[in-house]
Each structure stands twice: as C-alpha cells, then as structure tokens.
C-alpha cells in the first residue's frame, strides 16, 4: 500500500506527463497549420486552437510540477492558479471548435463565430 505522500507524487507525476503530452501535441498542431514552420499563422483558426491548447497544456503541466512543492502555501496557490488558467485556455480552445455554433462569419482572414463577437 502506498503512503499518502507517494500517492501525491504519483498523481503529480501523471499530471506532468499528461501536460507534457498536451504541450507536444498542441505545438505540433500549430506547426501543421503554418505554411512555414518558423512563421506563426495567427490569421488561421486552427493556429489559435493549437495556441490555446498549448496555454492549457502548459497550465496543467505547471500544476503538476508545482504540486511537488505543495507544502508551501505560495506554491500551492501558484499551482491552483496554473490549473485555473489552463482550464480557461482549454475552454477558449473548445469554444472556437463548438459544433453548435452555426453562424460563421469572416472577420479579416480569421473565421470566428458570431456569438464571440457580441
């Protein structure tokens, strides 16, 4: 049977590994949407989806990494804040791909949903 501390370390390690996977996959997704790997493409919706997934994955990875030092209240607060920011970033990313959004309009070269423009 694992002790409480060993369970916390195992949980945080799993979060670091999972967050790292999100960081890698969203980085590759952003690179895939760009015409040239060294030029960001902020005018493409797919690039923004990858960017906000990258922010979310970084937040979740930081949450796990900071969880190892959760005995300090300041580190615990930073871990909670990283989770909060990561969750909102994933929500923004999902909202851009929401299948219920039927009314699409063209704003410049970035396709956005009308409900976001309110």
Protein backbone atom coordinates (compact mmCIF):
# COMPACT_ATOMS: atom_id res chain seq x y z
CA UNK A 1 0.00 0.00 0.00
CA UNK A 2 1.29 3.44 -0.93
CA UNK A 3 1.63 6.15 1.66
CA UNK A 4 -0.20 9.46 1.21
CA UNK A 5 2.97 11.23 0.06
CA UNK A 6 3.67 8.52 -2.53
CA UNK A 7 0.12 8.87 -3.86
CA UNK A 8 0.52 12.64 -4.18
CA UNK A 9 3.83 12.23 -6.03
CA UNK A 10 2.28 9.63 -8.37
CA UNK A 11 -0.66 11.94 -9.06
CA UNK A 12 1.56 14.95 -9.74
CA UNK A 13 3.89 12.91 -11.94
CA UNK A 14 0.94 11.72 -14.02
CA UNK A 15 -0.19 15.32 -14.44
CA UNK A 16 3.29 16.43 -15.55
CA UNK A 17 3.46 13.60 -18.10
CA UNK A 18 -0.05 14.32 -19.39
CA UNK A 19 0.56 18.08 -19.54
CA UNK A 20 3.78 17.45 -21.46
CA UNK A 21 1.80 15.38 -23.96
CA UNK A 22 -0.65 18.27 -24.41
CA UNK A 23 2.25 20.68 -24.94
CA UNK A 24 3.85 18.45 -27.57
CA UNK A 25 0.60 17.73 -29.44
CA UNK A 26 -0.57 21.35 -29.49
CA UNK A 27 2.86 22.53 -30.64
CA UNK A 28 2.78 20.03 -33.48
CA UNK A 29 -0.78 21.09 -34.35
CA UNK A 30 0.30 24.74 -34.53
CA UNK A 31 3.25 23.81 -36.74
CA UNK A 32 0.94 21.79 -39.00
CA UNK A 33 -1.34 24.76 -39.63
CA UNK A 34 1.52 27.13 -40.51
CA UNK A 35 2.80 27.35 -44.08
CA UNK A 36 6.38 27.69 -42.86
CA UNK A 37 7.45 26.19 -39.55
CA UNK A 38 9.20 29.37 -38.44
CA UNK A 39 6.33 31.80 -39.23
CA UNK A 40 3.35 31.80 -36.84
CA UNK A 41 -0.04 31.99 -38.56
CA UNK A 42 -2.32 33.91 -36.18
CA UNK A 43 -4.74 34.57 -39.05
CA UNK A 44 -5.79 30.89 -39.08
CA UNK A 45 -8.41 29.49 -36.75
CA UNK A 46 -6.53 26.18 -36.41
CA UNK A 47 -3.44 28.02 -35.24
CA UNK A 48 -5.45 29.72 -32.48
CA UNK A 49 -6.90 26.39 -31.40
CA UNK A 50 -3.39 24.97 -31.12
CA UNK A 51 -2.17 28.08 -29.29
CA UNK A 52 -4.89 27.96 -26.63
CA UNK A 53 -4.35 24.21 -26.25
CA UNK A 54 -0.65 24.98 -25.71
CA UNK A 55 -1.51 27.51 -22.99
CA UNK A 56 -3.87 24.98 -21.37
CA UNK A 57 -1.34 22.16 -21.52
CA UNK A 58 1.32 24.41 -20.02
CA UNK A 59 -1.03 25.33 -17.19
CA UNK A 60 -1.81 21.69 -16.43
CA UNK A 61 1.86 20.71 -16.63
CA UNK A 62 2.78 23.56 -14.26
CA UNK A 63 0.04 22.47 -11.89
CA UNK A 64 1.60 19.03 -11.58
CA UNK A 65 5.15 20.35 -11.40
CA UNK A 66 4.24 22.82 -8.68
CA UNK A 67 2.33 20.12 -6.84
CA UNK A 68 5.61 18.58 -5.71
CA UNK A 69 6.19 21.63 -3.50
CA UNK A 70 2.62 21.97 -2.25
CA UNK A 71 3.76 22.14 1.38
CA UNK A 72 4.45 25.85 0.80
CA UNK A 73 1.19 27.89 0.63
CA UNK A 74 2.59 30.18 -2.09
CA UNK A 75 3.49 27.22 -4.31
CA UNK A 76 0.07 25.70 -3.69
CA UNK A 77 -1.55 28.99 -4.73
CA UNK A 78 0.58 29.11 -7.91
CA UNK A 79 -0.42 25.52 -8.68
CA UNK A 80 -4.10 26.39 -8.27
CA UNK A 81 -3.69 29.47 -10.45
CA UNK A 82 -1.98 27.39 -13.17
CA UNK A 83 -4.92 24.97 -13.12
CA UNK A 84 -7.38 27.87 -13.39
CA UNK A 85 -5.57 29.47 -16.34
CA UNK A 86 -5.13 26.10 -18.06
CA UNK A 87 -8.81 25.27 -17.69
CA UNK A 88 -9.91 28.60 -19.15
CA UNK A 89 -7.46 28.24 -22.03
CA UNK A 90 -8.93 24.84 -22.90
CA UNK A 91 -12.42 26.35 -22.68
CA UNK A 92 -11.44 29.11 -25.12
CA UNK A 93 -9.97 26.49 -27.44
CA UNK A 94 -13.11 24.37 -27.29
CA UNK A 95 -15.39 27.36 -27.85
CA UNK A 96 -13.59 28.02 -31.12
CA UNK A 97 -14.47 24.50 -32.29
CA UNK A 98 -18.01 24.37 -30.85
CA UNK A 99 -20.16 22.36 -33.29
CA UNK A 100 -23.30 24.14 -32.05
CA UNK A 101 -22.05 27.42 -33.44
CA UNK A 102 -23.85 27.56 -36.77
CA UNK A 103 -23.40 31.19 -37.75
CA UNK A 104 -19.89 31.68 -39.06
CA UNK A 105 -18.66 34.96 -40.47
CA UNK A 106 -15.39 36.11 -41.94
CA UNK A 107 -13.57 38.81 -39.96
CA UNK A 108 -10.44 39.72 -41.89
CA UNK A 109 -8.83 36.36 -42.56
CA UNK A 110 -9.79 34.80 -39.22
CA UNK A 111 -13.05 32.85 -39.22
CA UNK A 112 -14.93 33.37 -35.99
CA UNK A 113 -18.36 32.58 -34.63
CA UNK A 114 -20.86 35.43 -34.40
CA UNK A 115 -21.55 34.58 -30.75
CA UNK A 116 -17.97 35.55 -29.86
CA UNK A 117 -18.35 38.98 -31.46
CA UNK A 118 -21.21 40.04 -29.13
